[in-house]
Amino acid sequence: MLDGLCRNKNISEALALFHKMERNGLDLNVVMYNILIDTFSKDKKIDTTRALFVNLSSKGLQPDVKTYTMMIQGLCEKGLLYEAKELFVKMEKKNGYLADDVTYNTIIQGFIGKHKCHEALILVEEMLYSQLKDKILLSKK
């Protein structure tokens, strides 16, 4: 239902439903948070997106790679590239998640879109090194 409201652009109704579920003691999960984070991120409402991200963690839930990618996308679209990069680094250091192709592409496109090609190239090199390192480790097994 939450996803349907968001897909039909009934964002305020979706948020109201989410808060009602929260007040009624329903166990909210990362998927539910991801639906809202994705919706508000695409709607460029970064303050709401940040609040949901913080709330997710405060509820004892751990954001997944998809959550981080959506947050990074929202930050990049608002031009908050260095905040996006900090979150990108935090994703691995704090939670041990490795960025996937989608996450790398999201942040690389964010930097390119703001004409920060040097930073984008560094990320491309990191991505290629990471993928090469993974292939070497797999071939040694």
C-alpha atoms as a PDB file:
ATOM      1  CA  MET A   1       0.000   0.000   0.000  1.00  0.00           C
ATOM      2  CA  LEU A   2       2.840   2.362   0.891  1.00  0.00           C
ATOM      3  CA  ASP A   3       4.543   1.630  -2.420  1.00  0.00           C
ATOM      4  CA  GLY A   4       1.305   2.177  -4.333  1.00  0.00           C
ATOM      5  CA  LEU A   5       0.746   5.564  -2.729  1.00  0.00           C
ATOM      6  CA  CYS A   6       4.288   6.609  -3.584  1.00  0.00           C
ATOM      7  CA  ARG A   7       4.049   5.367  -7.170  1.00  0.00           C
ATOM      8  CA  ASN A   8       0.845   7.371  -7.615  1.00  0.00           C
ATOM      9  CA  LYS A   9       2.556  10.493  -6.225  1.00  0.00           C
ATOM     10  CA  ASN A  10       0.407  10.534  -3.077  1.00  0.00           C
ATOM     11  CA  ILE A  11       3.487  11.349  -1.053  1.00  0.00           C
ATOM     12  CA  SER A  12       1.825  13.103   1.875  1.00  0.00           C
ATOM     13  CA  GLU A  13      -0.653  10.226   2.223  1.00  0.00           C
ATOM     14  CA  ALA A  14       2.213   7.720   2.111  1.00  0.00           C
ATOM     15  CA  LEU A  15       4.077   9.560   4.859  1.00  0.00           C
ATOM     16  CA  ALA A  16       0.890   9.813   6.943  1.00  0.00           C
ATOM     17  CA  LEU A  17       0.324   6.058   6.546  1.00  0.00           C
ATOM     18  CA  PHE A  18       3.935   5.376   7.501  1.00  0.00           C
ATOM     19  CA  HIS A  19       3.627   7.470  10.682  1.00  0.00           C
ATOM     20  CA  LYS A  20       0.298   5.827  11.520  1.00  0.00           C
ATOM     21  CA  MET A  21       1.881   2.377  11.180  1.00  0.00           C
ATOM     22  CA  GLU A  22       4.726   3.560  13.399  1.00  0.00           C
ATOM     23  CA  ARG A  23       2.341   4.939  16.054  1.00  0.00           C
ATOM     24  CA  ASN A  24       0.342   1.697  16.032  1.00  0.00           C
ATOM     25  CA  GLY A  25       3.462  -0.302  16.837  1.00  0.00           C
ATOM     26  CA  LEU A  26       3.853  -2.087  13.516  1.00  0.00           C
ATOM     27  CA  ASP A  27       7.343  -3.351  12.873  1.00  0.00           C
ATOM     28  CA  LEU A  28       8.675  -1.162  10.114  1.00  0.00           C
ATOM     29  CA  ASN A  29      11.460  -2.641   8.037  1.00  0.00           C
ATOM     30  CA  VAL A  30      14.194  -1.403   5.728  1.00  0.00           C
ATOM     31  CA  VAL A  31      12.019  -2.014   2.651  1.00  0.00           C
ATOM     32  CA  MET A  32       9.360   0.383   3.956  1.00  0.00           C
ATOM     33  CA  TYR A  33      11.983   3.008   4.713  1.00  0.00           C
ATOM     34  CA  ASN A  34      13.541   2.474   1.281  1.00  0.00           C
ATOM     35  CA  ILE A  35      10.204   3.146  -0.416  1.00  0.00           C
ATOM     36  CA  LEU A  36       9.927   6.517   1.297  1.00  0.00           C
ATOM     37  CA  ILE A  37      13.612   7.388   0.989  1.00  0.00           C
ATOM     38  CA  ASP A  38      13.458   6.665  -2.744  1.00  0.00           C
ATOM     39  CA  THR A  39      10.288   8.718  -3.166  1.00  0.00           C
ATOM     40  CA  PHE A  40      11.517  11.757  -1.242  1.00  0.00           C
ATOM     41  CA  SER A  41      14.951  11.512  -2.833  1.00  0.00           C
ATOM     42  CA  LYS A  42      13.440  11.611  -6.324  1.00  0.00           C
ATOM     43  CA  ASP A  43      11.209  14.495  -5.211  1.00  0.00           C
ATOM     44  CA  LYS A  44      14.385  16.334  -4.090  1.00  0.00           C
ATOM     45  CA  LYS A  45      13.158  16.637  -0.506  1.00  0.00           C
ATOM     46  CA  ILE A  46      16.560  15.942   0.978  1.00  0.00           C
ATOM     47  CA  ASP A  47      15.700  17.096   4.517  1.00  0.00           C
ATOM     48  CA  THR A  48      12.885  14.541   4.744  1.00  0.00           C
ATOM     49  CA  THR A  49      15.146  11.931   3.165  1.00  0.00           C
ATOM     50  CA  ARG A  50      17.858  12.614   5.760  1.00  0.00           C
ATOM     51  CA  ALA A  51      15.319  12.447   8.596  1.00  0.00           C
ATOM     52  CA  LEU A  52      14.063   9.063   7.382  1.00  0.00           C
ATOM     53  CA  PHE A  53      17.640   7.787   7.095  1.00  0.00           C
ATOM     54  CA  VAL A  54      18.453   8.886  10.662  1.00  0.00           C
ATOM     55  CA  ASN A  55      15.154   7.476  11.937  1.00  0.00           C
ATOM     56  CA  LEU A  56      15.902   4.144  10.267  1.00  0.00           C
ATOM     57  CA  SER A  57      19.154   3.817  12.173  1.00  0.00           C
ATOM     58  CA  SER A  58      17.643   5.030  15.445  1.00  0.00           C
ATOM     59  CA  LYS A  59      15.055   2.234  15.211  1.00  0.00           C
ATOM     60  CA  GLY A  60      17.854  -0.328  15.213  1.00  0.00           C
ATOM     61  CA  LEU A  61      17.509  -1.077  11.517  1.00  0.00           C
ATOM     62  CA  GLN A  62      20.553  -1.148   9.293  1.00  0.00           C
ATOM     63  CA  PRO A  63      20.421   0.599   5.937  1.00  0.00           C
ATOM     64  CA  ASP A  64      21.336  -1.636   3.014  1.00  0.00           C
ATOM     65  CA  VAL A  65      23.256  -0.861  -0.182  1.00  0.00           C
ATOM     66  CA  LYS A  66      20.010   0.177  -1.869  1.00  0.00           C
ATOM     67  CA  THR A  67      19.275   2.651   0.947  1.00  0.00           C
ATOM     68  CA  TYR A  68      22.727   4.183   0.645  1.00  0.00           C
ATOM     69  CA  THR A  69      22.460   4.373  -3.142  1.00  0.00           C
ATOM     70  CA  MET A  70      19.135   6.210  -2.955  1.00  0.00           C
ATOM     71  CA  MET A  71      20.542   8.625  -0.371  1.00  0.00           C
ATOM     72  CA  ILE A  72      23.628   9.225  -2.518  1.00  0.00           C
ATOM     73  CA  GLN A  73      21.443   9.857  -5.559  1.00  0.00           C
ATOM     74  CA  GLY A  74      19.327  12.397  -3.694  1.00  0.00           C
ATOM     75  CA  LEU A  75      22.384  14.212  -2.377  1.00  0.00           C
ATOM     76  CA  CYS A  76      23.987  14.296  -5.828  1.00  0.00           C
ATOM     77  CA  GLU A  77      20.826  15.642  -7.427  1.00  0.00           C
ATOM     78  CA  LYS A  78      20.802  18.484  -4.894  1.00  0.00           C
ATOM     79  CA  GLY A  79      24.451  19.205  -5.689  1.00  0.00           C
ATOM     80  CA  LEU A  80      25.665  17.950  -2.304  1.00  0.00           C
ATOM     81  CA  LEU A  81      28.447  15.915  -3.877  1.00  0.00           C
ATOM     82  CA  TYR A  82      30.871  15.883  -1.001  1.00  0.00           C
ATOM     83  CA  GLU A  83      28.169  14.869   1.459  1.00  0.00           C
ATOM     84  CA  ALA A  84      27.282  12.091  -0.995  1.00  0.00           C
ATOM     85  CA  LYS A  85      30.954  11.052  -1.117  1.00  0.00           C
ATOM     86  CA  GLU A  86      31.135  11.010   2.712  1.00  0.00           C
ATOM     87  CA  LEU A  87      28.088   8.755   2.833  1.00  0.00           C
ATOM     88  CA  PHE A  88      29.602   6.563   0.117  1.00  0.00           C
ATOM     89  CA  VAL A  89      32.761   6.095   2.215  1.00  0.00           C
ATOM     90  CA  LYS A  90      30.744   5.618   5.422  1.00  0.00           C
ATOM     91  CA  MET A  91      28.724   2.858   3.756  1.00  0.00           C
ATOM     92  CA  GLU A  92      31.798   0.637   3.657  1.00  0.00           C
ATOM     93  CA  LYS A  93      33.636   1.812   6.754  1.00  0.00           C
ATOM     94  CA  LYS A  94      30.695   1.859   9.171  1.00  0.00           C
ATOM     95  CA  ASN A  95      28.507  -0.927   7.850  1.00  0.00           C
ATOM     96  CA  GLY A  96      30.955  -2.989   5.829  1.00  0.00           C
ATOM     97  CA  TYR A  97      28.955  -2.725   2.613  1.00  0.00           C
ATOM     98  CA  LEU A  98      30.844  -2.674  -0.635  1.00  0.00           C
ATOM     99  CA  ALA A  99      29.454  -0.384  -3.293  1.00  0.00           C
ATOM    100  CA  ASP A 100      27.956  -2.205  -6.243  1.00  0.00           C
ATOM    101  CA  ASP A 101      27.908  -1.074  -9.884  1.00  0.00           C
ATOM    102  CA  VAL A 102      24.680   0.863  -9.331  1.00  0.00           C
ATOM    103  CA  THR A 103      26.110   2.774  -6.371  1.00  0.00           C
ATOM    104  CA  TYR A 104      29.326   3.594  -8.212  1.00  0.00           C
ATOM    105  CA  ASN A 105      27.394   4.667 -11.312  1.00  0.00           C
ATOM    106  CA  THR A 106      25.117   6.871  -9.212  1.00  0.00           C
ATOM    107  CA  ILE A 107      27.921   8.805  -7.556  1.00  0.00           C
ATOM    108  CA  ILE A 108      30.047   8.953 -10.717  1.00  0.00           C
ATOM    109  CA  GLN A 109      27.114  10.391 -12.676  1.00  0.00           C
ATOM    110  CA  GLY A 110      26.516  12.858  -9.842  1.00  0.00           C
ATOM    111  CA  PHE A 111      30.051  14.213 -10.115  1.00  0.00           C
ATOM    112  CA  ILE A 112      29.968  14.265 -13.933  1.00  0.00           C
ATOM    113  CA  GLY A 113      26.631  16.092 -13.868  1.00  0.00           C
ATOM    114  CA  LYS A 114      28.238  18.877 -11.845  1.00  0.00           C
ATOM    115  CA  HIS A 115      31.341  18.987 -14.076  1.00  0.00           C
ATOM    116  CA  LYS A 116      33.597  17.397 -11.457  1.00  0.00           C
ATOM    117  CA  CYS A 117      35.231  15.036 -13.938  1.00  0.00           C
ATOM    118  CA  HIS A 118      38.460  14.602 -11.978  1.00  0.00           C
ATOM    119  CA  GLU A 119      36.556  13.296  -8.941  1.00  0.00           C
ATOM    120  CA  ALA A 120      34.445  11.082 -11.210  1.00  0.00           C
ATOM    121  CA  LEU A 121      37.587   9.608 -12.766  1.00  0.00           C
ATOM    122  CA  ILE A 122      39.008   8.806  -9.323  1.00  0.00           C
ATOM    123  CA  LEU A 123      35.781   6.939  -8.525  1.00  0.00           C
ATOM    124  CA  VAL A 124      35.974   5.036 -11.826  1.00  0.00           C
ATOM    125  CA  GLU A 125      39.525   3.982 -10.956  1.00  0.00           C
ATOM    126  CA  GLU A 126      38.385   2.898  -7.466  1.00  0.00           C
ATOM    127  CA  MET A 127      35.550   0.886  -8.986  1.00  0.00           C
ATOM    128  CA  LEU A 128      37.820  -0.844 -11.492  1.00  0.00           C
ATOM    129  CA  TYR A 129      40.395  -1.614  -8.799  1.00  0.00           C
ATOM    130  CA  SER A 130      37.684  -2.972  -6.503  1.00  0.00           C
ATOM    131  CA  GLN A 131      36.283  -5.232  -9.232  1.00  0.00           C
ATOM    132  CA  LEU A 132      39.754  -6.421 -10.220  1.00  0.00           C
ATOM    133  CA  LYS A 133      40.634  -7.135  -6.591  1.00  0.00           C
ATOM    134  CA  ASP A 134      37.429  -9.178  -6.202  1.00  0.00           C
ATOM    135  CA  LYS A 135      38.220 -11.200  -9.336  1.00  0.00           C
ATOM    136  CA  ILE A 136      41.757 -11.921  -8.129  1.00  0.00           C
ATOM    137  CA  LEU A 137      40.469 -13.067  -4.744  1.00  0.00           C
ATOM    138  CA  LEU A 138      37.886 -15.328  -6.393  1.00  0.00           C
ATOM    139  CA  SER A 139      40.439 -16.853  -8.757  1.00  0.00           C
ATOM    140  CA  LYS A 140      42.695 -17.790  -5.826  1.00  0.00           C
ATOM    141  CA  LYS A 141      39.962 -19.889  -4.201  1.00  0.00           C
END
